[in-house]
Protein backbone atom coordinates (compact mmCIF):
# COMPACT_ATOMS: atom_id res chain seq x y z
CA UNK A 1 -4.91 29.77 17.91
CA UNK A 2 -3.50 27.85 14.96
CA UNK A 3 -1.74 29.91 12.31
CA UNK A 4 -2.32 29.46 8.58
CA UNK A 5 1.17 27.95 8.31
CA UNK A 6 0.53 25.39 11.05
CA UNK A 7 -2.83 24.42 9.55
CA UNK A 8 -1.19 23.99 6.15
CA UNK A 9 1.63 21.91 7.65
CA UNK A 10 -0.78 19.67 9.54
CA UNK A 11 -2.89 19.15 6.44
CA UNK A 12 0.18 18.28 4.38
CA UNK A 13 1.21 15.66 6.95
CA UNK A 14 -2.33 14.28 6.95
CA UNK A 15 -2.26 14.12 3.15
CA UNK A 16 0.95 12.08 3.08
CA UNK A 17 -0.21 9.88 5.94
CA UNK A 18 -3.41 9.00 4.08
CA UNK A 19 -1.52 8.37 0.84
CA UNK A 20 0.88 6.17 2.78
CA UNK A 21 -2.03 3.90 3.71
CA UNK A 22 -2.61 3.07 0.04
CA UNK A 23 -0.75 -0.09 -0.95
CA UNK A 24 0.48 -1.44 -4.22
CA UNK A 25 -2.02 -4.32 -4.33
CA UNK A 26 0.42 -6.81 -5.84
CA UNK A 27 3.31 -6.04 -3.49
CA UNK A 28 1.44 -5.01 -0.30
CA UNK A 29 3.78 -2.04 0.10
CA UNK A 30 2.78 1.64 0.43
CA UNK A 31 2.72 3.53 -2.87
CA UNK A 32 4.60 6.35 -1.15
CA UNK A 33 7.48 4.03 -0.24
CA UNK A 34 7.49 2.64 -3.78
CA UNK A 35 7.83 6.19 -5.11
CA UNK A 36 4.68 6.06 -7.25
CA UNK A 37 3.41 9.36 -5.83
CA UNK A 38 5.67 11.68 -7.76
CA UNK A 39 4.07 14.85 -6.47
CA UNK A 40 1.45 15.72 -3.86
CA UNK A 41 0.76 19.42 -3.41
CA UNK A 42 -1.79 21.29 -1.35
CA UNK A 43 -2.76 24.58 -3.00
CA UNK A 44 -3.48 27.83 -1.23
CA UNK A 45 -7.23 27.22 -1.41
CA UNK A 46 -6.84 23.80 0.24
CA UNK A 47 -7.29 21.81 -2.97
CA UNK A 48 -4.89 18.95 -3.68
CA UNK A 49 -2.97 17.95 -6.80
CA UNK A 50 -1.46 14.48 -7.17
CA UNK A 51 0.92 13.32 -9.91
CA UNK A 52 1.12 9.53 -10.09
CA UNK A 53 3.54 7.44 -12.09
CA UNK A 54 4.09 3.67 -12.26
CA UNK A 55 7.40 1.91 -12.95
CA UNK A 56 6.67 1.13 -16.60
CA UNK A 57 4.62 2.46 -19.48
CA UNK A 58 2.79 -0.87 -19.79
CA UNK A 59 1.86 -1.59 -16.14
CA UNK A 60 -1.44 -3.45 -15.98
CA UNK A 61 -4.40 -1.04 -16.18
CA UNK A 62 -6.09 -3.18 -13.54
CA UNK A 63 -3.25 -2.52 -11.09
CA UNK A 64 -3.33 1.17 -12.00
CA UNK A 65 -7.07 1.22 -11.34
CA UNK A 66 -6.74 -0.40 -7.92
CA UNK A 67 -4.05 2.04 -6.81
CA UNK A 68 -5.74 5.13 -8.23
CA UNK A 69 -9.00 4.06 -6.65
CA UNK A 70 -7.13 3.73 -3.37
CA UNK A 71 -5.73 7.24 -3.83
CA UNK A 72 -9.25 8.57 -4.48
CA UNK A 73 -10.57 6.93 -1.32
CA UNK A 74 -7.64 8.30 0.70
CA UNK A 75 -8.31 11.83 -0.57
CA UNK A 76 -12.01 11.47 0.24
CA UNK A 77 -11.03 10.75 3.86
CA UNK A 78 -9.09 14.00 4.35
CA UNK A 79 -10.51 16.02 7.21
CA UNK A 80 -11.00 19.22 5.21
CA UNK A 81 -12.75 17.52 2.23
CA UNK A 82 -10.73 19.25 -0.48
CA UNK A 83 -11.30 19.34 -4.21
CA UNK A 84 -8.55 17.32 -5.84
CA UNK A 85 -6.96 16.42 -9.15
CA UNK A 86 -5.13 13.14 -9.74
CA UNK A 87 -3.06 12.81 -12.89
CA UNK A 88 -1.49 9.62 -14.22
CA UNK A 89 1.76 10.12 -16.16
CA UNK A 90 3.65 8.08 -18.74
CA UNK A 91 1.26 5.15 -18.92
CA UNK A 92 -0.20 3.59 -22.03
CA UNK A 93 -3.72 4.52 -20.84
CA UNK A 94 -2.82 7.85 -19.21
CA UNK A 95 -4.73 9.87 -21.80
CA UNK A 96 -7.94 7.88 -21.35
CA UNK A 97 -7.63 7.92 -17.57
CA UNK A 98 -6.89 11.63 -17.25
CA UNK A 99 -9.56 12.60 -19.77
CA UNK A 100 -12.12 10.51 -17.92
CA UNK A 101 -11.18 11.95 -14.54
CA UNK A 102 -11.34 15.50 -15.92
CA UNK A 103 -14.86 14.72 -17.18
CA UNK A 104 -15.91 13.63 -13.70
CA UNK A 105 -16.21 9.93 -14.50
CA UNK A 106 -15.66 7.33 -11.82
CA UNK A 107 -12.63 5.06 -12.00
CA UNK A 108 -15.02 2.17 -12.54
CA UNK A 109 -16.44 3.85 -15.65
CA UNK A 110 -13.00 4.76 -16.97
CA UNK A 111 -11.58 1.27 -16.56
CA UNK A 112 -14.68 -0.65 -17.61
CA UNK A 113 -13.26 -1.19 -21.09
CA UNK A 114 -9.56 -1.09 -20.13
CA UNK A 115 -9.98 -3.94 -17.66
CA UNK A 116 -10.66 -6.37 -20.50
CA UNK A 117 -13.69 -7.82 -18.69
CA UNK A 118 -11.54 -8.98 -15.79
CA UNK A 119 -13.38 -9.25 -12.49
CA UNK A 120 -11.68 -6.56 -10.42
CA UNK A 121 -13.48 -7.78 -7.32
CA UNK A 122 -11.81 -11.17 -7.73
CA UNK A 123 -8.48 -9.46 -8.37
CA UNK A 124 -8.81 -7.43 -5.17
CA UNK A 125 -9.58 -10.63 -3.26
CA UNK A 126 -6.51 -12.38 -4.65
CA UNK A 127 -4.27 -9.53 -3.54
CA UNK A 128 -5.93 -9.40 -0.12
CA UNK A 129 -5.17 -13.11 0.26
CA UNK A 130 -1.51 -12.64 -0.65
CA UNK A 131 -1.16 -9.70 1.73
CA UNK A 132 -2.78 -11.72 4.53
CA UNK A 133 -0.34 -14.57 3.99
CA UNK A 134 2.74 -12.40 3.68
CA UNK A 135 1.96 -10.48 6.85
CA UNK A 136 1.13 -13.65 8.74
CA UNK A 137 4.38 -15.32 7.74
CA UNK A 138 6.45 -12.38 8.97
CA UNK A 139 4.76 -12.42 12.38
CA UNK A 140 4.96 -16.20 12.74
CA UNK A 141 8.67 -16.18 12.01
CA UNK A 142 9.19 -13.26 14.37
CA UNK A 143 7.42 -15.01 17.24
CA UNK A 144 9.46 -18.15 16.66
CA UNK A 145 12.65 -16.10 16.73
CA UNK A 146 11.45 -14.46 19.94
CA UNK A 147 11.53 -17.90 21.57
CA UNK A 148 7.86 -18.89 21.60
CA UNK A 149 7.01 -22.51 20.87
CA UNK A 150 4.76 -23.44 17.98
CA UNK A 151 2.08 -24.51 20.44
CA UNK A 152 2.23 -21.15 22.24
CA UNK A 153 2.06 -19.25 18.95
CA UNK A 154 -0.86 -21.18 17.51
CA UNK A 155 -2.71 -20.98 20.83
CA UNK A 156 -2.70 -17.18 20.81
CA UNK A 157 -5.99 -15.32 20.88
CA UNK A 158 -6.30 -11.62 20.12
CA UNK A 159 -5.54 -10.32 23.66
CA UNK A 160 -2.39 -12.46 23.83
CA UNK A 161 -1.39 -11.33 20.35
CA UNK A 162 -1.80 -7.67 21.23
CA UNK A 163 0.54 -7.88 24.22
CA UNK A 164 3.16 -10.03 22.47
CA UNK A 165 6.47 -8.25 21.97
CA UNK A 166 8.68 -8.56 18.90
CA UNK A 167 12.13 -7.32 18.08
CA UNK A 168 12.25 -4.27 15.83
CA UNK A 169 12.17 -5.31 12.19
CA UNK A 170 9.85 -6.83 9.62
CA UNK A 171 7.84 -8.88 12.10
CA UNK A 172 7.14 -5.85 14.29
CA UNK A 173 6.18 -3.83 11.23
CA UNK A 174 3.77 -6.49 10.01
CA UNK A 175 2.21 -7.25 13.41
CA UNK A 176 -0.43 -4.47 13.33
CA UNK A 177 -0.89 -4.97 9.59
CA UNK A 178 -1.65 -8.66 10.05
CA UNK A 179 -4.10 -7.81 12.81
CA UNK A 180 -5.89 -5.41 10.45
CA UNK A 181 -5.97 -8.03 7.68
CA UNK A 182 -7.32 -10.65 10.10
CA UNK A 183 -10.16 -8.40 11.28
CA UNK A 184 -10.99 -7.40 7.72
CA UNK A 185 -11.07 -11.05 6.64
CA UNK A 186 -13.02 -12.29 9.67
CA UNK A 187 -15.03 -9.33 11.04
CA UNK A 188 -17.26 -11.57 13.16
CA UNK A 189 -14.46 -13.39 14.93
CA UNK A 190 -14.48 -13.57 18.75
CA UNK A 191 -11.64 -12.22 20.87
CA UNK A 192 -10.80 -15.73 22.07
CA UNK A 193 -10.62 -17.20 18.55
CA UNK A 194 -7.12 -18.21 17.40
CA UNK A 195 -5.20 -15.41 15.73
CA UNK A 196 -3.32 -17.64 13.33
CA UNK A 197 -5.62 -19.41 10.90
CA UNK A 198 -5.53 -20.15 7.19
CA UNK A 199 -7.06 -17.76 4.67
CA UNK A 200 -10.08 -20.06 4.70
CA UNK A 201 -10.37 -19.70 8.48
CA UNK A 202 -9.15 -23.16 9.46
CA UNK A 203 -7.02 -23.79 12.53
CA UNK A 204 -3.37 -24.63 11.87
CA UNK A 205 -2.32 -27.84 13.66
CA UNK A 206 0.95 -27.52 15.56
CA UNK A 207 2.52 -30.35 13.57
CA UNK A 208 1.57 -28.62 10.31
CA UNK A 209 3.09 -25.20 11.06
CA UNK A 210 6.35 -25.98 9.25
CA UNK A 211 4.54 -26.91 6.04
CA UNK A 212 2.24 -23.90 6.43
CA UNK A 213 5.24 -21.59 6.74
CA UNK A 214 6.79 -23.14 3.64
CA UNK A 215 3.64 -22.26 1.67
CA UNK A 216 3.66 -18.71 3.03
CA UNK A 217 7.33 -18.35 2.18
CA UNK A 218 6.55 -19.05 -1.47
CA UNK A 219 4.03 -16.20 -1.48
CA UNK A 220 6.54 -13.84 0.16
CA UNK A 221 9.41 -14.71 -2.18
CA UNK A 222 7.20 -14.10 -5.22
CA UNK A 223 6.05 -10.72 -3.87
CA UNK A 224 9.60 -9.70 -2.94
CA UNK A 225 10.83 -10.62 -6.42
CA UNK A 226 8.09 -8.54 -8.03
CA UNK A 227 8.89 -5.68 -5.70
CA UNK A 228 12.59 -5.78 -6.59
CA UNK A 229 11.67 -5.87 -10.27
CA UNK A 230 9.38 -2.85 -9.90
CA UNK A 231 12.06 -0.88 -8.07
CA UNK A 232 14.66 -1.78 -10.67
CA UNK A 233 12.41 -0.75 -13.54
CA UNK A 234 11.55 2.48 -11.78
CA UNK A 235 15.20 3.32 -11.24
CA UNK A 236 15.80 3.14 -14.99
CA UNK A 237 13.32 6.01 -15.43
CA UNK A 238 14.17 8.18 -12.42
CA UNK A 239 17.13 9.40 -10.47
CA UNK A 240 17.13 10.91 -7.00
CA UNK A 241 18.97 14.13 -6.36
CA UNK A 242 20.55 14.62 -2.98
CA UNK A 243 18.86 17.91 -2.17
CA UNK A 244 16.63 20.40 -3.98
CA UNK A 245 15.42 23.34 -1.89
CA UNK A 246 16.38 21.40 1.19
CA UNK A 247 14.46 18.22 0.35
CA UNK A 248 15.18 14.99 -1.58
CA UNK A 249 13.68 15.20 -5.07
CA UNK A 250 12.89 12.71 -7.84
CA UNK A 251 13.65 13.75 -11.41
CA UNK A 252 12.61 11.90 -14.57
CA UNK A 253 15.47 10.74 -16.81
CA UNK A 254 13.30 11.09 -19.91
CA UNK A 255 11.20 14.20 -19.55
CA UNK A 256 12.34 17.73 -18.89
CA UNK A 257 10.22 18.42 -15.84
CA UNK A 258 10.19 20.66 -12.82
CA UNK A 259 11.40 18.46 -9.94
CA UNK A 260 8.60 17.20 -7.72
CA UNK A 261 8.96 17.61 -3.97
CA UNK A 262 9.17 14.42 -1.99
CA UNK A 263 7.08 13.58 1.05
CA UNK A 264 7.80 15.82 4.05
CA UNK A 265 9.76 14.35 6.92
CA UNK A 266 7.94 13.79 10.18
C-alpha cells in the first residue's frame, strides 16, 4: 500500500513532468529548462502553487499568455485534479494577470485587452511552424551524420523513421519531438507517407534538400540567438546557489525573497 510520502513524491514528479512539457513558444524549449518556473509546490491538501517569472519586466504579454495558458492546461491534466494558483512575478502586467486569475477569469479574458488585438491563434501557428522546422532540421542533420543518403532520408515513412537510430545528442532529442509535431500538423497522414515534408505538406526533392536545410538553419539560428538572449537577461536578475537544503536554488538579485526550491531530480 502506498504511503502518504510516496504518493506525495509521485505527484510532485508528475507535476514537474507536466510542467516540463510546456514550451516557451518562441524558443521551443521547456519552460522548466529555461528556469521560468521559479517555484512549484504541492500543499498538504494536494493543491498546487506555481510562481512564474520571465526574463524581463517587459516580455511580450502575448508570450506570457501562451506560456501561462500552457501551464494551466498542464495543471488541468494532473491525475489528482488539484486546485491550483499560478502567480506571475515582476512583469509589467503581473498585477492585471494575477488579479484576473484570482477573480476566476480565463487567460483569454485577462489578455483580451493586453494582446493589443493581435490574433493569438495566428501567433500560435507561427510558433508551431518554427518548432516544426527546427526539430526537422536537427533530425535531418543527424541522419546525414549517421551515414544515410539524402535519398534514403527523404524516402523514409513513419515505420522506417521510428526504427532509425541516431547518436545521442540534439538529433536524438528532437526525433520524438519532430514526430509529435508532424502528427499534430498532419493528423490524417498515412503511415507510408513521407516523414520529411515542408510545413505546407509538400515533398522535398532530393536535389533540393541542401537548400531546404539552409532555410531551416536560418530558423534555428534565430531561435538559438533569442534563447541565448533570454538566458543572458535572466542571469542578470537571478543567481543560482550551489545548495540550499540539499537542492539547487534560484534566488532573485533584486528582491529579498525566500529561496524557491528547484525541480526535484529523477
